[in-house]
């Protein structure tokens, strides 16, 4: 799907579910990372994360578009368009839009992989386990002030 097809889809969904025209620009934004889409208050444009279409399919994309159109139409009408507003929640239910989009599969796998770094003192042999790396030229052993060496890196 390219930008023109997305624009046509957004206009069609706006006409079918909201019975109002979408008069602004809809586009894919590859820089979006933690959200499926966003409605821009200043320009009234809608940006969509293309990864949701690629990984979760067109049905998920349609849900994201409906959600952003709820923000769009309520904002233009001067009504409550924020997630916390009752009017927004009612319109979401009316058009069958999700309140939040599903998480991308690639995000889930990255969060579950944890690494543990193991450092050891050269004097007293005390070991330290850390999730973040330590600058061994700056930090020393807390027990004897000996030099620290990175021993191993484990994944959980």
Protein backbone atom coordinates (compact mmCIF):
# COMPACT_ATOMS: atom_id res chain seq x y z
CA UNK A 1 0.00 0.00 0.00
CA UNK A 2 1.36 3.43 -0.92
CA UNK A 3 0.47 6.96 0.24
CA UNK A 4 -2.32 7.46 -2.33
CA UNK A 5 -4.01 4.17 -1.44
CA UNK A 6 -3.79 5.09 2.26
CA UNK A 7 -5.36 8.50 1.54
CA UNK A 8 -8.20 6.82 -0.35
CA UNK A 9 -8.75 4.27 2.43
CA UNK A 10 -8.89 6.97 5.11
CA UNK A 11 -11.38 9.00 3.06
CA UNK A 12 -13.55 5.91 2.48
CA UNK A 13 -13.55 4.93 6.18
CA UNK A 14 -14.42 8.51 7.13
CA UNK A 15 -17.38 8.54 4.74
CA UNK A 16 -18.61 5.03 5.66
CA UNK A 17 -18.31 5.13 9.47
CA UNK A 18 -18.47 8.84 10.35
CA UNK A 19 -20.57 10.08 7.41
CA UNK A 20 -18.23 13.09 7.22
CA UNK A 21 -15.46 13.85 4.72
CA UNK A 22 -11.76 13.65 5.55
CA UNK A 23 -10.35 16.85 4.01
CA UNK A 24 -6.72 16.65 5.08
CA UNK A 25 -3.67 14.50 4.39
CA UNK A 26 -3.06 10.92 5.54
CA UNK A 27 0.45 9.52 5.24
CA UNK A 28 2.78 6.79 6.45
CA UNK A 29 5.45 7.91 8.93
CA UNK A 30 8.33 5.46 9.32
CA UNK A 31 9.66 7.34 12.36
CA UNK A 32 6.71 6.32 14.56
CA UNK A 33 7.92 3.64 16.98
CA UNK A 34 5.61 3.17 19.94
CA UNK A 35 2.25 3.96 18.38
CA UNK A 36 0.11 2.84 15.48
CA UNK A 37 -0.76 6.35 14.35
CA UNK A 38 -1.22 9.93 15.41
CA UNK A 39 -3.49 12.86 14.69
CA UNK A 40 -1.67 16.19 14.37
CA UNK A 41 -3.63 19.00 16.02
CA UNK A 42 -1.91 21.82 14.13
CA UNK A 43 -2.28 20.53 10.58
CA UNK A 44 -5.20 18.11 11.09
CA UNK A 45 -3.20 15.46 9.22
CA UNK A 46 -3.04 11.80 10.22
CA UNK A 47 0.18 9.78 10.29
CA UNK A 48 0.16 5.98 10.31
CA UNK A 49 2.91 3.54 11.29
CA UNK A 50 3.40 1.26 8.25
CA UNK A 51 4.86 -1.55 10.42
CA UNK A 52 1.36 -2.26 11.76
CA UNK A 53 0.11 -2.94 8.23
CA UNK A 54 3.12 -5.12 7.40
CA UNK A 55 3.14 -7.16 10.61
CA UNK A 56 -0.50 -7.24 11.80
CA UNK A 57 -2.46 -6.78 8.57
CA UNK A 58 -5.10 -4.53 7.07
CA UNK A 59 -7.71 -5.17 9.77
CA UNK A 60 -5.40 -3.68 12.43
CA UNK A 61 -4.65 -0.75 10.10
CA UNK A 62 -8.36 -0.03 9.68
CA UNK A 63 -8.78 0.00 13.48
CA UNK A 64 -5.92 2.50 13.82
CA UNK A 65 -7.41 4.72 11.10
CA UNK A 66 -10.83 4.67 12.83
CA UNK A 67 -9.17 5.63 16.12
CA UNK A 68 -7.31 8.57 14.55
CA UNK A 69 -10.44 9.69 12.71
CA UNK A 70 -12.24 9.84 16.07
CA UNK A 71 -9.59 12.32 17.24
CA UNK A 72 -9.88 14.19 13.92
CA UNK A 73 -13.65 14.64 13.75
CA UNK A 74 -14.12 15.44 17.45
CA UNK A 75 -11.31 18.00 17.39
CA UNK A 76 -12.73 19.77 14.32
CA UNK A 77 -16.16 19.89 15.98
CA UNK A 78 -14.68 21.40 19.16
CA UNK A 79 -15.68 18.42 21.29
CA UNK A 80 -13.64 16.23 23.64
CA UNK A 81 -11.06 14.48 21.43
CA UNK A 82 -8.62 13.23 24.08
CA UNK A 83 -8.43 9.62 25.32
CA UNK A 84 -9.83 10.64 28.71
CA UNK A 85 -12.93 12.38 27.29
CA UNK A 86 -16.29 10.64 27.47
CA UNK A 87 -17.29 11.81 23.97
CA UNK A 88 -14.16 10.18 22.55
CA UNK A 89 -14.88 6.88 24.30
CA UNK A 90 -18.49 6.87 23.08
CA UNK A 91 -17.47 7.54 19.48
CA UNK A 92 -14.85 4.78 19.63
CA UNK A 93 -17.54 2.27 20.61
CA UNK A 94 -19.96 3.59 18.01
CA UNK A 95 -17.56 3.07 15.07
CA UNK A 96 -15.87 -0.05 16.50
CA UNK A 97 -12.42 1.46 16.89
CA UNK A 98 -9.91 0.11 19.42
CA UNK A 99 -8.88 2.38 22.30
CA UNK A 100 -5.27 1.17 22.00
CA UNK A 101 -3.54 -0.67 19.17
CA UNK A 102 -1.98 -4.09 19.62
CA UNK A 103 1.71 -4.42 20.32
CA UNK A 104 3.98 -5.28 17.41
CA UNK A 105 5.39 -8.84 17.52
CA UNK A 106 8.98 -7.60 17.11
CA UNK A 107 8.62 -5.36 20.17
CA UNK A 108 7.59 -8.27 22.41
CA UNK A 109 10.67 -10.36 21.62
CA UNK A 110 13.09 -7.46 22.21
CA UNK A 111 11.68 -6.78 25.66
CA UNK A 112 11.98 -10.35 26.88
CA UNK A 113 15.73 -10.64 26.10
CA UNK A 114 17.72 -9.41 29.09
CA UNK A 115 21.47 -9.37 29.38
CA UNK A 116 23.50 -9.57 32.56
CA UNK A 117 27.11 -8.34 32.63
CA UNK A 118 29.47 -9.95 35.16
CA UNK A 119 32.51 -8.03 36.45
CA UNK A 120 35.19 -9.35 38.79
CA UNK A 121 37.74 -7.58 40.98
CA UNK A 122 41.37 -8.51 40.19
CA UNK A 123 42.39 -8.22 43.90
CA UNK A 124 39.66 -9.81 46.05
CA UNK A 125 37.82 -11.77 43.27
CA UNK A 126 34.46 -10.26 44.27
CA UNK A 127 31.92 -10.49 41.41
CA UNK A 128 29.38 -7.87 40.40
CA UNK A 129 26.32 -8.51 38.23
CA UNK A 130 24.95 -5.51 36.34
CA UNK A 131 22.37 -4.88 33.60
CA UNK A 132 24.21 -1.80 32.37
CA UNK A 133 27.87 -1.72 31.43
CA UNK A 134 30.43 -0.19 33.78
CA UNK A 135 33.31 2.05 32.71
CA UNK A 136 36.13 -0.06 34.17
CA UNK A 137 38.70 2.72 33.78
CA UNK A 138 36.61 4.96 36.03
CA UNK A 139 35.03 2.60 38.59
CA UNK A 140 36.81 0.28 41.03
CA UNK A 141 35.85 -2.46 43.49
CA UNK A 142 33.77 -1.14 46.39
CA UNK A 143 35.41 -3.54 48.86
CA UNK A 144 39.15 -3.19 48.18
CA UNK A 145 39.42 -0.53 45.42
CA UNK A 146 40.90 -3.08 43.04
CA UNK A 147 40.61 -2.98 39.25
CA UNK A 148 37.44 -4.43 37.68
CA UNK A 149 37.45 -6.75 34.65
CA UNK A 150 34.47 -7.82 32.56
CA UNK A 151 34.26 -11.59 32.94
CA UNK A 152 31.21 -12.58 30.87
CA UNK A 153 27.92 -11.48 29.39
CA UNK A 154 24.84 -13.68 29.93
CA UNK A 155 21.39 -13.53 28.32
CA UNK A 156 18.27 -14.41 30.28
